[in-house]
Amino acid sequence: MARYLVRRLLITLPILLGITVLSYFIMALTPGDPVQMLIDPQMTQADREIRRRALGLDEPAYIRYLKWLNELAHGNLGYSFSSGVPVTRRVGERIGPTLTLTVTALALSYLIALPTGILVAVRRYSAVDYAATLFAFLGISLPTFFLGLVGIYVFALRLRWLPTGGTMTLGGEGGLFDLALHLLLPASVLAVAGAGVLTRYVRSSMLEVLGQDYVRTARAKGLAELLVLRRHALRNALIPVITLAGLQIPGLLAGAVITEQIFEWPGMGRLTIEAINQRDYPVLMGITLISAVLVAVGNLLADLAYAYVDPRIHYE
């Protein structure tokens, strides 16, 4: 296992390097000047040039990238153009809420998709199957911002069951219950799309496994249907579903950008929009790198989960 982890790390490092190269030069080519976002419009052109030199924007893009890479090698992601605060501090303040939101959304999507996918596989072509298929297609098709606005209108404005946004009630004492109330709506919005895709995958995978000879043999031996589904069918059907879990992480992080804006969730998604509006390239590079690392870690955990689900898989 250790050799496998080292090999995966050696493969991941050049991939992360390539992501930083592409991201940096794409940002350098985008229109807009960070200095224009930071200074008083009444300042002279000479003052603007001084500010550009102070930020290093007068140098070629490849020189700026090499300097950024050197700082990264020393554990520093640079400093924000807009505030002068270290990028590690700005991103560190936002990564916790984003991870809370995305992990909760992923857990909710599996809590919805696993039992639903198994049920519709066992009762395929029934009314339950058609209803679950409709739900799955709606979840896949409806955009996140639309679901978020509908959720706010229905559950926050009309029914008044949940807050409209933020992480705590203004003037309240906060606490875990208050956080859970604020988390439920944005996490559910993110989970709906993921649950739609997962439901289809679980259904397809379970149908394939239920047609195998070993499942028919287990039923012929007189085992209870629940035991057949749990011990013989579900465990083998989970392998492609685990693969999808690793692939869903980028989608959740991308969806969080919109969801955090709608629900005023103080995570990396809102920070990304702020950095884009301010042309704060160091912050954007820090967010891009950390997001890429999270995706790589998610895919690695999915690979390791294979060995737990299927004992035939070894990584030696």
Protein backbone atom coordinates (compact mmCIF):
# COMPACT_ATOMS: atom_id res chain seq x y z
CA MET A 1 0.00 0.00 0.00
CA ALA A 2 2.84 2.41 0.85
CA ARG A 3 4.46 1.88 -2.56
CA TYR A 4 1.12 2.55 -4.24
CA LEU A 5 0.65 5.80 -2.30
CA VAL A 6 4.16 6.98 -3.21
CA ARG A 7 3.54 6.15 -6.87
CA ARG A 8 0.25 8.05 -6.87
CA LEU A 9 1.95 11.03 -5.24
CA LEU A 10 4.67 11.05 -7.90
CA ILE A 11 1.99 11.00 -10.60
CA THR A 12 -0.09 13.72 -8.94
CA LEU A 13 2.71 16.27 -8.52
CA PRO A 14 3.30 16.92 -12.26
CA ILE A 15 -0.48 17.06 -12.79
CA LEU A 16 -0.80 19.76 -10.13
CA LEU A 17 2.15 21.61 -11.68
CA GLY A 18 0.45 21.52 -15.09
CA ILE A 19 -2.77 22.86 -13.58
CA THR A 20 -0.93 25.79 -12.02
CA VAL A 21 0.84 26.59 -15.33
CA LEU A 22 -2.39 26.60 -17.33
CA SER A 23 -4.29 28.55 -14.66
CA TYR A 24 -1.62 31.22 -14.25
CA PHE A 25 -1.20 31.96 -17.95
CA ILE A 26 -4.95 31.91 -18.62
CA MET A 27 -5.35 34.51 -15.84
CA ALA A 28 -2.50 36.54 -17.34
CA LEU A 29 -4.27 36.60 -20.72
CA THR A 30 -7.68 37.63 -19.36
CA PRO A 31 -8.66 41.29 -19.86
CA GLY A 32 -8.64 43.63 -16.92
CA ASP A 33 -5.99 45.30 -14.80
CA PRO A 34 -5.73 44.52 -11.06
CA VAL A 35 -4.36 48.01 -10.43
CA GLN A 36 -7.55 49.59 -11.80
CA MET A 37 -9.51 47.67 -9.14
CA LEU A 38 -7.29 48.78 -6.28
CA ILE A 39 -6.51 52.47 -6.68
CA ASP A 40 -8.28 55.80 -6.65
CA PRO A 41 -9.36 56.76 -10.22
CA GLN A 42 -7.94 60.24 -9.60
CA MET A 43 -4.37 58.96 -9.16
CA THR A 44 -1.90 59.88 -11.86
CA GLN A 45 -0.47 57.46 -14.41
CA ALA A 46 2.92 57.67 -12.68
CA ASP A 47 1.37 56.59 -9.37
CA ARG A 48 -0.32 53.70 -11.14
CA GLU A 49 2.97 52.53 -12.60
CA ILE A 50 4.53 52.65 -9.15
CA ARG A 51 1.70 50.51 -7.87
CA ARG A 52 2.13 48.06 -10.76
CA ARG A 53 5.85 47.69 -10.02
CA ALA A 54 5.10 47.17 -6.32
CA LEU A 55 2.80 44.27 -7.24
CA GLY A 56 5.26 42.90 -9.81
CA LEU A 57 2.82 43.37 -12.68
CA ASP A 58 5.41 45.12 -14.83
CA GLU A 59 7.30 41.84 -15.33
CA PRO A 60 6.51 39.19 -17.97
CA ALA A 61 3.99 36.51 -17.03
CA TYR A 62 6.54 33.69 -17.00
CA ILE A 63 8.77 35.61 -14.57
CA ARG A 64 5.82 36.22 -12.27
CA TYR A 65 4.90 32.54 -12.45
CA LEU A 66 8.45 31.41 -11.58
CA LYS A 67 8.45 33.77 -8.59
CA TRP A 68 5.07 32.41 -7.50
CA LEU A 69 6.38 28.85 -7.87
CA ASN A 70 9.42 29.74 -5.76
CA GLU A 71 7.16 31.11 -3.04
CA LEU A 72 5.05 27.96 -3.24
CA ALA A 73 8.15 25.81 -2.74
CA HIS A 74 8.69 27.69 0.54
CA GLY A 75 5.10 27.08 1.66
CA ASN A 76 3.79 30.53 0.73
CA LEU A 77 0.95 31.19 -1.72
CA GLY A 78 1.73 34.90 -2.01
CA TYR A 79 -0.20 37.93 -0.84
CA SER A 80 -3.60 39.24 -1.83
CA PHE A 81 -3.52 42.21 -4.20
CA SER A 82 -6.60 43.77 -2.59
CA SER A 83 -5.82 43.39 1.11
CA GLY A 84 -2.14 42.49 1.36
CA VAL A 85 -3.08 39.56 3.61
CA PRO A 86 -1.29 36.23 2.97
CA VAL A 87 -3.32 34.03 0.62
CA THR A 88 -2.93 31.08 2.98
CA ARG A 89 -4.77 33.06 5.66
CA ARG A 90 -7.58 34.21 3.35
CA VAL A 91 -8.15 30.74 1.92
CA GLY A 92 -7.67 29.10 5.32
CA GLU A 93 -10.55 31.17 6.70
CA ARG A 94 -12.86 29.96 3.91
CA ILE A 95 -11.88 26.34 3.31
CA GLY A 96 -13.60 25.09 6.48
CA PRO A 97 -17.10 26.31 5.53
CA THR A 98 -16.67 25.01 1.97
CA LEU A 99 -15.59 21.56 3.15
CA THR A 100 -18.50 21.49 5.61
CA LEU A 101 -20.93 22.33 2.80
CA THR A 102 -19.53 19.94 0.18
CA VAL A 103 -19.01 16.98 2.52
CA THR A 104 -22.55 17.38 3.87
CA ALA A 105 -23.92 17.61 0.31
CA LEU A 106 -22.02 14.48 -0.72
CA ALA A 107 -23.28 12.58 2.32
CA LEU A 108 -26.88 13.69 1.67
CA SER A 109 -26.66 12.68 -2.00
CA TYR A 110 -25.55 9.17 -1.02
CA LEU A 111 -28.20 8.90 1.70
CA ILE A 112 -30.80 9.70 -0.98
CA ALA A 113 -29.32 7.79 -3.92
CA LEU A 114 -28.30 4.46 -2.36
CA PRO A 115 -31.69 3.36 -0.95
CA THR A 116 -33.54 4.90 -3.92
CA GLY A 117 -31.30 3.21 -6.49
CA ILE A 118 -31.57 -0.17 -4.77
CA LEU A 119 -35.35 0.12 -4.46
CA VAL A 120 -35.92 1.00 -8.12
CA ALA A 121 -33.54 -1.76 -9.23
CA VAL A 122 -35.52 -4.33 -7.27
CA ARG A 123 -38.83 -2.88 -8.51
CA ARG A 124 -37.84 -1.83 -12.00
CA TYR A 125 -40.51 -0.65 -14.44
CA SER A 126 -42.86 0.03 -11.53
CA ALA A 127 -44.40 3.35 -10.56
CA VAL A 128 -41.61 3.82 -8.01
CA ASP A 129 -39.02 3.32 -10.75
CA TYR A 130 -40.65 5.91 -13.02
CA ALA A 131 -40.99 8.42 -10.17
CA ALA A 132 -37.33 7.99 -9.18
CA THR A 133 -36.28 8.37 -12.82
CA LEU A 134 -38.24 11.61 -13.04
CA PHE A 135 -36.58 12.88 -9.86
CA ALA A 136 -33.14 11.92 -11.19
CA PHE A 137 -33.63 13.72 -14.49
CA LEU A 138 -34.98 16.82 -12.76
CA GLY A 139 -32.00 16.86 -10.42
CA ILE A 140 -29.58 16.53 -13.33
CA SER A 141 -31.34 19.10 -15.53
CA LEU A 142 -32.24 21.92 -13.14
CA PRO A 143 -29.39 24.42 -12.56
CA THR A 144 -28.11 24.98 -9.05
CA PHE A 145 -29.03 28.66 -8.93
CA PHE A 146 -32.66 27.88 -9.85
CA LEU A 147 -32.95 25.21 -7.15
CA GLY A 148 -31.40 27.60 -4.65
CA LEU A 149 -33.85 30.40 -5.43
CA VAL A 150 -36.81 28.01 -5.31
CA GLY A 151 -35.58 26.60 -2.00
CA ILE A 152 -35.27 30.08 -0.48
CA TYR A 153 -38.73 31.09 -1.71
CA VAL A 154 -40.48 27.92 -0.50
CA PHE A 155 -38.70 26.95 2.72
CA ALA A 156 -37.41 30.33 3.92
CA LEU A 157 -39.90 32.95 2.71
CA ARG A 158 -43.19 31.06 2.47
CA LEU A 159 -42.93 28.29 5.08
CA ARG A 160 -40.33 30.05 7.26
CA TRP A 161 -38.79 26.73 8.27
CA LEU A 162 -35.20 27.60 7.39
CA PRO A 163 -33.05 30.77 7.25
CA THR A 164 -32.33 32.41 3.92
CA GLY A 165 -28.55 32.34 4.21
CA GLY A 166 -25.42 32.82 6.28
CA THR A 167 -24.01 30.47 8.90
CA MET A 168 -25.69 31.79 12.04
CA THR A 169 -28.65 33.86 13.14
CA LEU A 170 -27.83 37.53 13.61
CA GLY A 171 -27.96 38.40 17.29
CA GLY A 172 -28.27 34.74 18.23
CA GLU A 173 -25.95 32.55 20.27
CA GLY A 174 -24.96 30.36 17.32
CA GLY A 175 -24.14 26.77 18.17
CA LEU A 176 -24.27 23.49 16.29
CA PHE A 177 -28.06 23.41 15.88
CA ASP A 178 -28.12 26.92 14.44
CA LEU A 179 -25.32 25.99 12.02
CA ALA A 180 -27.22 22.86 10.97
CA LEU A 181 -30.33 24.92 10.20
CA HIS A 182 -28.32 27.28 8.00
CA LEU A 183 -26.47 24.38 6.37
CA LEU A 184 -29.49 22.24 5.49
CA LEU A 185 -30.85 24.28 2.58
CA PRO A 186 -27.60 24.97 0.64
CA ALA A 187 -26.36 21.41 1.21
CA SER A 188 -29.68 19.99 0.00
CA VAL A 189 -29.54 22.12 -3.14
CA LEU A 190 -26.06 20.78 -3.93
CA ALA A 191 -27.10 17.24 -3.03
CA VAL A 192 -30.12 17.10 -5.38
CA ALA A 193 -28.06 17.19 -8.58
CA GLY A 194 -25.56 14.69 -7.22
CA ALA A 195 -28.31 12.38 -6.01
CA GLY A 196 -29.91 12.37 -9.46
CA VAL A 197 -26.73 11.13 -11.13
CA LEU A 198 -25.96 8.67 -8.33
CA THR A 199 -29.45 7.17 -8.40
CA ARG A 200 -29.09 6.28 -12.07
CA TYR A 201 -25.66 4.75 -11.48
CA VAL A 202 -26.81 2.73 -8.46
CA ARG A 203 -29.85 1.46 -10.36
CA SER A 204 -27.80 0.44 -13.39
CA SER A 205 -25.08 -1.20 -11.33
CA MET A 206 -27.56 -3.09 -9.13
CA LEU A 207 -29.48 -4.37 -12.17
CA GLU A 208 -26.26 -5.73 -13.63
CA VAL A 209 -25.26 -7.44 -10.38
CA LEU A 210 -28.73 -8.88 -9.71
CA GLY A 211 -28.50 -10.78 -12.99
CA GLN A 212 -25.27 -12.57 -12.01
CA ASP A 213 -25.14 -16.29 -11.29
CA TYR A 214 -23.90 -15.92 -7.71
CA VAL A 215 -26.95 -13.81 -6.80
CA ARG A 216 -29.30 -16.42 -8.25
CA THR A 217 -27.36 -19.12 -6.35
CA ALA A 218 -27.70 -17.20 -3.08
CA ARG A 219 -31.45 -16.93 -3.61
CA ALA A 220 -31.66 -20.63 -4.51
CA LYS A 221 -30.01 -21.49 -1.18
CA GLY A 222 -32.93 -19.84 0.59
CA LEU A 223 -31.15 -16.72 1.87
CA ALA A 224 -33.39 -13.82 2.84
CA GLU A 225 -33.79 -11.22 0.09
CA LEU A 226 -32.44 -8.43 2.32
CA LEU A 227 -29.32 -10.49 3.04
CA VAL A 228 -28.83 -11.24 -0.66
CA LEU A 229 -29.07 -7.56 -1.51
CA ARG A 230 -26.79 -6.37 1.27
CA ARG A 231 -24.08 -9.05 1.28
CA HIS A 232 -23.94 -10.29 -2.29
CA ALA A 233 -25.35 -7.57 -4.54
CA LEU A 234 -24.74 -4.17 -3.00
CA ARG A 235 -21.06 -4.63 -2.19
CA ASN A 236 -20.22 -5.55 -5.78
CA ALA A 237 -22.47 -2.83 -7.18
CA LEU A 238 -20.69 -0.14 -5.15
CA ILE A 239 -17.44 -0.19 -7.15
CA PRO A 240 -18.62 2.04 -10.06
CA VAL A 241 -20.51 4.20 -7.56
CA ILE A 242 -17.30 4.81 -5.61
CA THR A 243 -15.64 5.87 -8.86
CA LEU A 244 -18.39 8.41 -9.37
CA ALA A 245 -17.84 9.78 -5.85
CA GLY A 246 -14.31 10.81 -6.79
CA LEU A 247 -15.56 12.41 -9.99
CA GLN A 248 -18.31 14.31 -8.17
CA ILE A 249 -15.93 16.35 -6.03
CA PRO A 250 -15.05 18.84 -8.81
CA GLY A 251 -18.75 19.26 -9.56
CA LEU A 252 -19.53 19.93 -5.91
CA LEU A 253 -16.75 22.53 -5.65
CA ALA A 254 -17.95 24.20 -8.86
CA GLY A 255 -21.56 24.14 -7.68
CA ALA A 256 -20.50 25.61 -4.35
CA VAL A 257 -19.37 28.79 -6.14
CA ILE A 258 -22.96 29.54 -7.15
CA THR A 259 -24.59 28.10 -4.04
CA GLU A 260 -22.39 30.09 -1.67
CA GLN A 261 -23.27 33.28 -3.51
CA ILE A 262 -27.00 32.60 -3.30
CA PHE A 263 -26.97 31.60 0.37
CA GLU A 264 -24.21 34.03 1.48
CA TRP A 265 -22.15 31.08 2.69
CA PRO A 266 -18.65 32.36 3.64
CA GLY A 267 -16.64 29.72 1.78
CA MET A 268 -14.13 29.52 -1.05
CA GLY A 269 -16.90 29.95 -3.63
CA ARG A 270 -17.71 33.47 -2.47
CA LEU A 271 -14.01 34.22 -2.15
CA THR A 272 -13.55 33.10 -5.77
CA ILE A 273 -16.18 35.55 -7.02
CA GLU A 274 -14.66 38.36 -4.94
CA ALA A 275 -11.18 37.58 -6.28
CA ILE A 276 -12.44 37.50 -9.88
CA ASN A 277 -14.14 40.88 -9.51
CA GLN A 278 -10.98 42.37 -7.98
CA ARG A 279 -8.59 40.58 -10.41
CA ASP A 280 -6.85 39.22 -7.31
CA TYR A 281 -4.66 36.68 -9.11
CA PRO A 282 -2.71 35.34 -6.09
CA VAL A 283 -5.97 34.46 -4.32
CA LEU A 284 -7.34 32.80 -7.47
CA MET A 285 -4.15 30.75 -7.84
CA GLY A 286 -4.36 29.67 -4.22
CA ILE A 287 -7.98 28.60 -4.62
CA THR A 288 -7.19 26.75 -7.86
CA LEU A 289 -4.28 24.86 -6.31
CA ILE A 290 -6.16 23.89 -3.15
CA SER A 291 -9.21 22.80 -5.18
CA ALA A 292 -6.97 20.64 -7.38
CA VAL A 293 -5.40 19.08 -4.28
CA LEU A 294 -8.85 18.32 -2.84
CA VAL A 295 -9.87 16.64 -6.11
CA ALA A 296 -6.67 14.57 -6.15
CA VAL A 297 -7.20 13.52 -2.52
CA GLY A 298 -10.83 12.62 -3.24
CA ASN A 299 -9.85 10.40 -6.16
CA LEU A 300 -7.14 8.73 -4.05
CA LEU A 301 -9.63 8.00 -1.26
CA ALA A 302 -12.02 6.54 -3.86
CA ASP A 303 -9.25 4.23 -5.10
CA LEU A 304 -8.45 3.12 -1.55
CA ALA A 305 -12.14 2.45 -0.93
CA TYR A 306 -12.08 -0.13 -3.74
CA ALA A 307 -9.87 -2.40 -1.65
CA TYR A 308 -12.27 -2.14 1.29
CA VAL A 309 -15.36 -2.89 -0.78
CA ASP A 310 -13.78 -5.62 -2.92
CA PRO A 311 -11.15 -7.80 -1.12
CA ARG A 312 -9.96 -9.06 -4.53
CA ILE A 313 -8.40 -5.65 -5.22
CA HIS A 314 -4.87 -5.14 -3.91
CA TYR A 315 -2.49 -2.22 -4.41
CA GLU A 316 0.80 -3.98 -3.80
